[in-house]
Amino acid sequence: MSHFSLQEAEQNLARLIALVHQGEQVVIEANGKPVAQLMLPIDASKKRQPGRDLGRFTVPNNFDDPLPDEIIEGFRQ
């Protein structure tokens, strides 16, 4: 993963895109903090395979139970 400042990204966009095409993930930072990431787009033409993760996780029996009041109240704050 490569990191570039916003100014570097503005001046070298073609170079950053070339890195992405080579499989590199590019992070753009402003004031030393990540603000964007460049990566290849997800290929939406690939078909999903139903049941691919079957048996890899279990949904708890209480999954659809109402949330506790304190959690609901947290959303209201």
PDB file of N, CA and C in Angstrom:
ATOM      1  N   MET A   1       0.856  -1.170   0.000  1.00  0.00           N
ATOM      2  CA  MET A   1       0.000   0.000   0.000  1.00  0.00           C
ATOM      3  C   MET A   1       0.902   1.232   0.000  1.00  0.00           C
ATOM      4  N   SER A   2       0.625   2.144  -0.923  1.00  0.00           N
ATOM      5  CA  SER A   2       1.417   3.370  -1.050  1.00  0.00           C
ATOM      6  C   SER A   2       0.617   4.563  -0.549  1.00  0.00           C
ATOM      7  N   HIS A   3       1.314   5.491   0.103  1.00  0.00           N
ATOM      8  CA  HIS A   3       0.666   6.684   0.657  1.00  0.00           C
ATOM      9  C   HIS A   3       1.212   7.926  -0.042  1.00  0.00           C
ATOM     10  N   PHE A   4       0.296   8.834  -0.394  1.00  0.00           N
ATOM     11  CA  PHE A   4       0.669  10.080  -1.054  1.00  0.00           C
ATOM     12  C   PHE A   4      -0.106  11.223  -0.427  1.00  0.00           C
ATOM     13  N   SER A   5       0.519  12.388  -0.387  1.00  0.00           N
ATOM     14  CA  SER A   5      -0.194  13.572   0.088  1.00  0.00           C
ATOM     15  C   SER A   5      -1.187  14.001  -0.985  1.00  0.00           C
ATOM     16  N   LEU A   6      -2.140  14.813  -0.589  1.00  0.00           N
ATOM     17  CA  LEU A   6      -3.124  15.321  -1.538  1.00  0.00           C
ATOM     18  C   LEU A   6      -2.432  16.085  -2.667  1.00  0.00           C
ATOM     19  N   GLN A   7      -1.434  16.868  -2.321  1.00  0.00           N
ATOM     20  CA  GLN A   7      -0.695  17.629  -3.334  1.00  0.00           C
ATOM     21  C   GLN A   7       0.021  16.690  -4.305  1.00  0.00           C
ATOM     22  N   GLU A   8       0.666  15.639  -3.778  1.00  0.00           N
ATOM     23  CA  GLU A   8       1.334  14.668  -4.650  1.00  0.00           C
ATOM     24  C   GLU A   8       0.330  13.974  -5.568  1.00  0.00           C
ATOM     25  N   ALA A   9      -0.836  13.650  -5.023  1.00  0.00           N
ATOM     26  CA  ALA A   9      -1.863  12.974  -5.820  1.00  0.00           C
ATOM     27  C   ALA A   9      -2.350  13.873  -6.950  1.00  0.00           C
ATOM     28  N   GLU A  10      -2.536  15.154  -6.650  1.00  0.00           N
ATOM     29  CA  GLU A  10      -2.987  16.097  -7.679  1.00  0.00           C
ATOM     30  C   GLU A  10      -1.962  16.210  -8.809  1.00  0.00           C
ATOM     31  N   GLN A  11      -0.700  16.173  -8.455  1.00  0.00           N
ATOM     32  CA  GLN A  11       0.359  16.358  -9.445  1.00  0.00           C
ATOM     33  C   GLN A  11       0.719  15.073 -10.187  1.00  0.00           C
ATOM     34  N   ASN A  12       0.343  13.919  -9.630  1.00  0.00           N
ATOM     35  CA  ASN A  12       0.787  12.636 -10.187  1.00  0.00           C
ATOM     36  C   ASN A  12      -0.347  11.639 -10.376  1.00  0.00           C
ATOM     37  N   LEU A  13      -1.521  12.116 -10.723  1.00  0.00           N
ATOM     38  CA  LEU A  13      -2.675  11.226 -10.814  1.00  0.00           C
ATOM     39  C   LEU A  13      -2.434  10.066 -11.782  1.00  0.00           C
ATOM     40  N   ALA A  14      -1.849  10.337 -12.932  1.00  0.00           N
ATOM     41  CA  ALA A  14      -1.597   9.266 -13.907  1.00  0.00           C
ATOM     42  C   ALA A  14      -0.679   8.199 -13.314  1.00  0.00           C
ATOM     43  N   ARG A  15       0.324   8.618 -12.573  1.00  0.00           N
ATOM     44  CA  ARG A  15       1.252   7.671 -11.935  1.00  0.00           C
ATOM     45  C   ARG A  15       0.531   6.832 -10.892  1.00  0.00           C
ATOM     46  N   LEU A  16      -0.335   7.468 -10.104  1.00  0.00           N
ATOM     47  CA  LEU A  16      -1.084   6.738  -9.088  1.00  0.00           C
ATOM     48  C   LEU A  16      -2.025   5.718  -9.725  1.00  0.00           C
ATOM     49  N   ILE A  17      -2.663   6.107 -10.814  1.00  0.00           N
ATOM     50  CA  ILE A  17      -3.553   5.177 -11.514  1.00  0.00           C
ATOM     51  C   ILE A  17      -2.750   4.011 -12.082  1.00  0.00           C
ATOM     52  N   ALA A  18      -1.552   4.272 -12.573  1.00  0.00           N
ATOM     53  CA  ALA A  18      -0.697   3.192 -13.072  1.00  0.00           C
ATOM     54  C   ALA A  18      -0.360   2.217 -11.948  1.00  0.00           C
ATOM     55  N   LEU A  19      -0.088   2.742 -10.760  1.00  0.00           N
ATOM     56  CA  LEU A  19       0.180   1.871  -9.613  1.00  0.00           C
ATOM     57  C   LEU A  19      -1.031   0.999  -9.298  1.00  0.00           C
ATOM     58  N   VAL A  20      -2.206   1.594  -9.355  1.00  0.00           N
ATOM     59  CA  VAL A  20      -3.434   0.843  -9.086  1.00  0.00           C
ATOM     60  C   VAL A  20      -3.599  -0.271 -10.111  1.00  0.00           C
ATOM     61  N   HIS A  21      -3.318   0.008 -11.370  1.00  0.00           N
ATOM     62  CA  HIS A  21      -3.423  -1.012 -12.422  1.00  0.00           C
ATOM     63  C   HIS A  21      -2.438  -2.151 -12.201  1.00  0.00           C
ATOM     64  N   GLN A  22      -1.353  -1.888 -11.484  1.00  0.00           N
ATOM     65  CA  GLN A  22      -0.374  -2.928 -11.164  1.00  0.00           C
ATOM     66  C   GLN A  22      -0.777  -3.710  -9.914  1.00  0.00           C
ATOM     67  N   GLY A  23      -1.927  -3.364  -9.328  1.00  0.00           N
ATOM     68  CA  GLY A  23      -2.412  -4.087  -8.158  1.00  0.00           C
ATOM     69  C   GLY A  23      -2.130  -3.407  -6.832  1.00  0.00           C
ATOM     70  N   GLU A  24      -1.511  -2.251  -6.868  1.00  0.00           N
ATOM     71  CA  GLU A  24      -1.177  -1.513  -5.641  1.00  0.00           C
ATOM     72  C   GLU A  24      -2.397  -0.740  -5.139  1.00  0.00           C
ATOM     73  N   GLN A  25      -2.585  -0.714  -3.835  1.00  0.00           N
ATOM     74  CA  GLN A  25      -3.606   0.151  -3.253  1.00  0.00           C
ATOM     75  C   GLN A  25      -2.929   1.471  -2.896  1.00  0.00           C
ATOM     76  N   VAL A  26      -3.581   2.569  -3.245  1.00  0.00           N
ATOM     77  CA  VAL A  26      -3.009   3.899  -3.049  1.00  0.00           C
ATOM     78  C   VAL A  26      -3.877   4.675  -2.067  1.00  0.00           C
ATOM     79  N   VAL A  27      -3.257   5.188  -1.018  1.00  0.00           N
ATOM     80  CA  VAL A  27      -3.955   5.990  -0.020  1.00  0.00           C
ATOM     81  C   VAL A  27      -3.527   7.442  -0.191  1.00  0.00           C
ATOM     82  N   ILE A  28      -4.517   8.321  -0.242  1.00  0.00           N
ATOM     83  CA  ILE A  28      -4.254   9.760  -0.348  1.00  0.00           C
ATOM     84  C   ILE A  28      -4.518  10.381   1.017  1.00  0.00           C
ATOM     85  N   GLU A  29      -3.568  11.187   1.481  1.00  0.00           N
ATOM     86  CA  GLU A  29      -3.654  11.764   2.817  1.00  0.00           C
ATOM     87  C   GLU A  29      -3.707  13.286   2.762  1.00  0.00           C
ATOM     88  N   ALA A  30      -4.430  13.856   3.703  1.00  0.00           N
ATOM     89  CA  ALA A  30      -4.450  15.305   3.903  1.00  0.00           C
ATOM     90  C   ALA A  30      -4.100  15.551   5.360  1.00  0.00           C
ATOM     91  N   ASN A  31      -3.117  16.378   5.588  1.00  0.00           N
ATOM     92  CA  ASN A  31      -2.639  16.656   6.951  1.00  0.00           C
ATOM     93  C   ASN A  31      -2.243  15.380   7.675  1.00  0.00           C
ATOM     94  N   GLY A  32      -1.656  14.436   6.927  1.00  0.00           N
ATOM     95  CA  GLY A  32      -1.165  13.203   7.525  1.00  0.00           C
ATOM     96  C   GLY A  32      -2.224  12.166   7.836  1.00  0.00           C
ATOM     97  N   LYS A  33      -3.474  12.420   7.441  1.00  0.00           N
ATOM     98  CA  LYS A  33      -4.557  11.474   7.721  1.00  0.00           C
ATOM     99  C   LYS A  33      -5.174  10.995   6.412  1.00  0.00           C
ATOM    100  N   PRO A  34      -5.496   9.696   6.309  1.00  0.00           N
ATOM    101  CA  PRO A  34      -6.089   9.174   5.082  1.00  0.00           C
ATOM    102  C   PRO A  34      -7.440   9.822   4.794  1.00  0.00           C
ATOM    103  N   VAL A  35      -7.630  10.238   3.543  1.00  0.00           N
ATOM    104  CA  VAL A  35      -8.907  10.829   3.133  1.00  0.00           C
ATOM    105  C   VAL A  35      -9.513  10.106   1.936  1.00  0.00           C
ATOM    106  N   ALA A  36      -8.703   9.310   1.232  1.00  0.00           N
ATOM    107  CA  ALA A  36      -9.217   8.580   0.069  1.00  0.00           C
ATOM    108  C   ALA A  36      -8.313   7.391  -0.210  1.00  0.00           C
ATOM    109  N   GLN A  37      -8.886   6.411  -0.896  1.00  0.00           N
ATOM    110  CA  GLN A  37      -8.113   5.244  -1.296  1.00  0.00           C
ATOM    111  C   GLN A  37      -8.451   4.919  -2.744  1.00  0.00           C
ATOM    112  N   LEU A  38      -7.421   4.707  -3.543  1.00  0.00           N
ATOM    113  CA  LEU A  38      -7.609   4.312  -4.935  1.00  0.00           C
ATOM    114  C   LEU A  38      -7.353   2.819  -5.046  1.00  0.00           C
ATOM    115  N   MET A  39      -8.258   2.131  -5.715  1.00  0.00           N
ATOM    116  CA  MET A  39      -8.080   0.705  -5.965  1.00  0.00           C
ATOM    117  C   MET A  39      -8.900   0.332  -7.186  1.00  0.00           C
ATOM    118  N   LEU A  40      -8.613  -0.825  -7.746  1.00  0.00           N
ATOM    119  CA  LEU A  40      -9.351  -1.268  -8.917  1.00  0.00           C
ATOM    120  C   LEU A  40     -10.821  -1.441  -8.565  1.00  0.00           C
ATOM    121  N   PRO A  41     -11.713  -1.128  -9.504  1.00  0.00           N
ATOM    122  CA  PRO A  41     -13.139  -1.313  -9.225  1.00  0.00           C
ATOM    123  C   PRO A  41     -13.477  -2.796  -9.110  1.00  0.00           C
ATOM    124  N   ILE A  42     -14.514  -3.064  -8.363  1.00  0.00           N
ATOM    125  CA  ILE A  42     -14.990  -4.437  -8.230  1.00  0.00           C
ATOM    126  C   ILE A  42     -15.643  -4.829  -9.547  1.00  0.00           C
ATOM    127  N   ASP A  43     -15.334  -6.007 -10.024  1.00  0.00           N
ATOM    128  CA  ASP A  43     -15.902  -6.479 -11.286  1.00  0.00           C
ATOM    129  C   ASP A  43     -17.331  -6.944 -11.043  1.00  0.00           C
ATOM    130  N   ALA A  44     -18.288  -6.076 -11.359  1.00  0.00           N
ATOM    131  CA  ALA A  44     -19.695  -6.386 -11.130  1.00  0.00           C
ATOM    132  C   ALA A  44     -20.208  -7.449 -12.091  1.00  0.00           C
ATOM    133  N   SER A  45     -19.436  -7.758 -13.128  1.00  0.00           N
ATOM    134  CA  SER A  45     -19.900  -8.761 -14.082  1.00  0.00           C
ATOM    135  C   SER A  45     -19.704 -10.183 -13.564  1.00  0.00           C
ATOM    136  N   LYS A  46     -18.880 -10.347 -12.531  1.00  0.00           N
ATOM    137  CA  LYS A  46     -18.686 -11.685 -11.963  1.00  0.00           C
ATOM    138  C   LYS A  46     -19.959 -12.120 -11.257  1.00  0.00           C
ATOM    139  N   LYS A  47     -20.380 -13.309 -11.558  1.00  0.00           N
ATOM    140  CA  LYS A  47     -21.600 -13.821 -10.954  1.00  0.00           C
ATOM    141  C   LYS A  47     -21.309 -14.305  -9.539  1.00  0.00           C
ATOM    142  N   ARG A  48     -22.261 -14.034  -8.664  1.00  0.00           N
ATOM    143  CA  ARG A  48     -22.147 -14.521  -7.296  1.00  0.00           C
ATOM    144  C   ARG A  48     -22.515 -15.996  -7.253  1.00  0.00           C
ATOM    145  N   GLN A  49     -21.897 -16.696  -6.353  1.00  0.00           N
ATOM    146  CA  GLN A  49     -22.169 -18.116  -6.204  1.00  0.00           C
ATOM    147  C   GLN A  49     -23.014 -18.326  -4.953  1.00  0.00           C
ATOM    148  N   PRO A  50     -24.309 -18.610  -5.117  1.00  0.00           N
ATOM    149  CA  PRO A  50     -25.167 -18.824  -3.950  1.00  0.00           C
ATOM    150  C   PRO A  50     -24.646 -19.984  -3.097  1.00  0.00           C
ATOM    151  N   GLY A  51     -24.697 -19.779  -1.786  1.00  0.00           N
ATOM    152  CA  GLY A  51     -24.292 -20.828  -0.859  1.00  0.00           C
ATOM    153  C   GLY A  51     -22.800 -20.966  -0.678  1.00  0.00           C
ATOM    154  N   ARG A  52     -22.025 -20.062  -1.223  1.00  0.00           N
ATOM    155  CA  ARG A  52     -20.570 -20.162  -1.150  1.00  0.00           C
ATOM    156  C   ARG A  52     -20.057 -20.190   0.288  1.00  0.00           C
ATOM    157  N   ASP A  53     -20.701 -19.455   1.166  1.00  0.00           N
ATOM    158  CA  ASP A  53     -20.264 -19.398   2.564  1.00  0.00           C
ATOM    159  C   ASP A  53     -21.138 -20.237   3.489  1.00  0.00           C
ATOM    160  N   LEU A  54     -21.927 -21.111   2.920  1.00  0.00           N
ATOM    161  CA  LEU A  54     -22.813 -21.958   3.713  1.00  0.00           C
ATOM    162  C   LEU A  54     -22.010 -22.730   4.757  1.00  0.00           C
ATOM    163  N   GLY A  55     -22.438 -22.615   6.018  1.00  0.00           N
ATOM    164  CA  GLY A  55     -21.772 -23.313   7.105  1.00  0.00           C
ATOM    165  C   GLY A  55     -20.579 -22.591   7.691  1.00  0.00           C
ATOM    166  N   ARG A  56     -20.214 -21.432   7.156  1.00  0.00           N
ATOM    167  CA  ARG A  56     -19.047 -20.706   7.664  1.00  0.00           C
ATOM    168  C   ARG A  56     -19.383 -19.833   8.862  1.00  0.00           C
ATOM    169  N   PHE A  57     -20.653 -19.538   9.058  1.00  0.00           N
ATOM    170  CA  PHE A  57     -21.064 -18.780  10.236  1.00  0.00           C
ATOM    171  C   PHE A  57     -22.488 -19.169  10.583  1.00  0.00           C
ATOM    172  N   THR A  58     -22.865 -18.867  11.815  1.00  0.00           N
ATOM    173  CA  THR A  58     -24.196 -19.209  12.307  1.00  0.00           C
ATOM    174  C   THR A  58     -24.889 -17.946  12.781  1.00  0.00           C
ATOM    175  N   VAL A  59     -26.118 -17.762  12.349  1.00  0.00           N
ATOM    176  CA  VAL A  59     -26.916 -16.633  12.815  1.00  0.00           C
ATOM    177  C   VAL A  59     -27.522 -17.032  14.158  1.00  0.00           C
ATOM    178  N   PRO A  60     -27.302 -16.237  15.214  1.00  0.00           N
ATOM    179  CA  PRO A  60     -27.845 -16.596  16.529  1.00  0.00           C
ATOM    180  C   PRO A  60     -29.373 -16.644  16.509  1.00  0.00           C
ATOM    181  N   ASN A  61     -29.933 -17.477  17.368  1.00  0.00           N
ATOM    182  CA  ASN A  61     -31.392 -17.616  17.445  1.00  0.00           C
ATOM    183  C   ASN A  61     -32.077 -16.303  17.806  1.00  0.00           C
ATOM    184  N   ASN A  62     -31.401 -15.446  18.562  1.00  0.00           N
ATOM    185  CA  ASN A  62     -32.014 -14.187  19.007  1.00  0.00           C
ATOM    186  C   ASN A  62     -31.710 -13.022  18.054  1.00  0.00           C
ATOM    187  N   PHE A  63     -31.265 -13.307  16.868  1.00  0.00           N
ATOM    188  CA  PHE A  63     -30.863 -12.273  15.913  1.00  0.00           C
ATOM    189  C   PHE A  63     -31.963 -11.246  15.664  1.00  0.00           C
ATOM    190  N   ASP A  64     -33.202 -11.700  15.559  1.00  0.00           N
ATOM    191  CA  ASP A  64     -34.323 -10.806  15.251  1.00  0.00           C
ATOM    192  C   ASP A  64     -35.036 -10.274  16.492  1.00  0.00           C
ATOM    193  N   ASP A  65     -34.529 -10.579  17.675  1.00  0.00           N
ATOM    194  CA  ASP A  65     -35.157 -10.078  18.902  1.00  0.00           C
ATOM    195  C   ASP A  65     -35.032  -8.553  18.963  1.00  0.00           C
ATOM    196  N   PRO A  66     -35.978  -7.898  19.622  1.00  0.00           N
ATOM    197  CA  PRO A  66     -35.880  -6.440  19.780  1.00  0.00           C
ATOM    198  C   PRO A  66     -34.591  -6.056  20.515  1.00  0.00           C
ATOM    199  N   LEU A  67     -34.049  -4.916  20.150  1.00  0.00           N
ATOM    200  CA  LEU A  67     -32.844  -4.425  20.816  1.00  0.00           C
ATOM    201  C   LEU A  67     -33.183  -3.935  22.217  1.00  0.00           C
ATOM    202  N   PRO A  68     -32.226  -4.027  23.138  1.00  0.00           N
ATOM    203  CA  PRO A  68     -32.446  -3.485  24.482  1.00  0.00           C
ATOM    204  C   PRO A  68     -32.689  -1.975  24.421  1.00  0.00           C
ATOM    205  N   ASP A  69     -33.456  -1.463  25.381  1.00  0.00           N
ATOM    206  CA  ASP A  69     -33.810  -0.040  25.409  1.00  0.00           C
ATOM    207  C   ASP A  69     -32.588   0.875  25.407  1.00  0.00           C
ATOM    208  N   GLU A  70     -31.506   0.494  26.104  1.00  0.00           N
ATOM    209  CA  GLU A  70     -30.334   1.370  26.172  1.00  0.00           C
ATOM    210  C   GLU A  70     -29.655   1.507  24.803  1.00  0.00           C
ATOM    211  N   ILE A  71     -29.727   0.502  23.983  1.00  0.00           N
ATOM    212  CA  ILE A  71     -29.156   0.607  22.636  1.00  0.00           C
ATOM    213  C   ILE A  71     -30.035   1.496  21.764  1.00  0.00           C
ATOM    214  N   ILE A  72     -31.335   1.311  21.835  1.00  0.00           N
ATOM    215  CA  ILE A  72     -32.258   2.153  21.073  1.00  0.00           C
ATOM    216  C   ILE A  72     -32.096   3.608  21.486  1.00  0.00           C
ATOM    217  N   GLU A  73     -31.957   3.848  22.777  1.00  0.00           N
ATOM    218  CA  GLU A  73     -31.776   5.216  23.270  1.00  0.00           C
ATOM    219  C   GLU A  73     -30.480   5.822  22.721  1.00  0.00           C
ATOM    220  N   GLY A  74     -29.451   5.001  22.560  1.00  0.00           N
ATOM    221  CA  GLY A  74     -28.189   5.478  21.999  1.00  0.00           C
ATOM    222  C   GLY A  74     -28.347   6.011  20.586  1.00  0.00           C
ATOM    223  N   PHE A  75     -29.273   5.446  19.814  1.00  0.00           N
ATOM    224  CA  PHE A  75     -29.524   5.939  18.461  1.00  0.00           C
ATOM    225  C   PHE A  75     -30.226   7.290  18.482  1.00  0.00           C
ATOM    226  N   ARG A  76     -30.959   7.566  19.529  1.00  0.00           N
ATOM    227  CA  ARG A  76     -31.713   8.822  19.627  1.00  0.00           C
ATOM    228  C   ARG A  76     -30.837   9.990  20.064  1.00  0.00           C
ATOM    229  N   GLN A  77     -29.695   9.710  20.611  1.00  0.00           N
ATOM    230  CA  GLN A  77     -28.829  10.780  21.131  1.00  0.00           C
ATOM    231  C   GLN A  77     -28.089  11.480  20.026  1.00  0.00           C
TER     232      GLN A  77
END
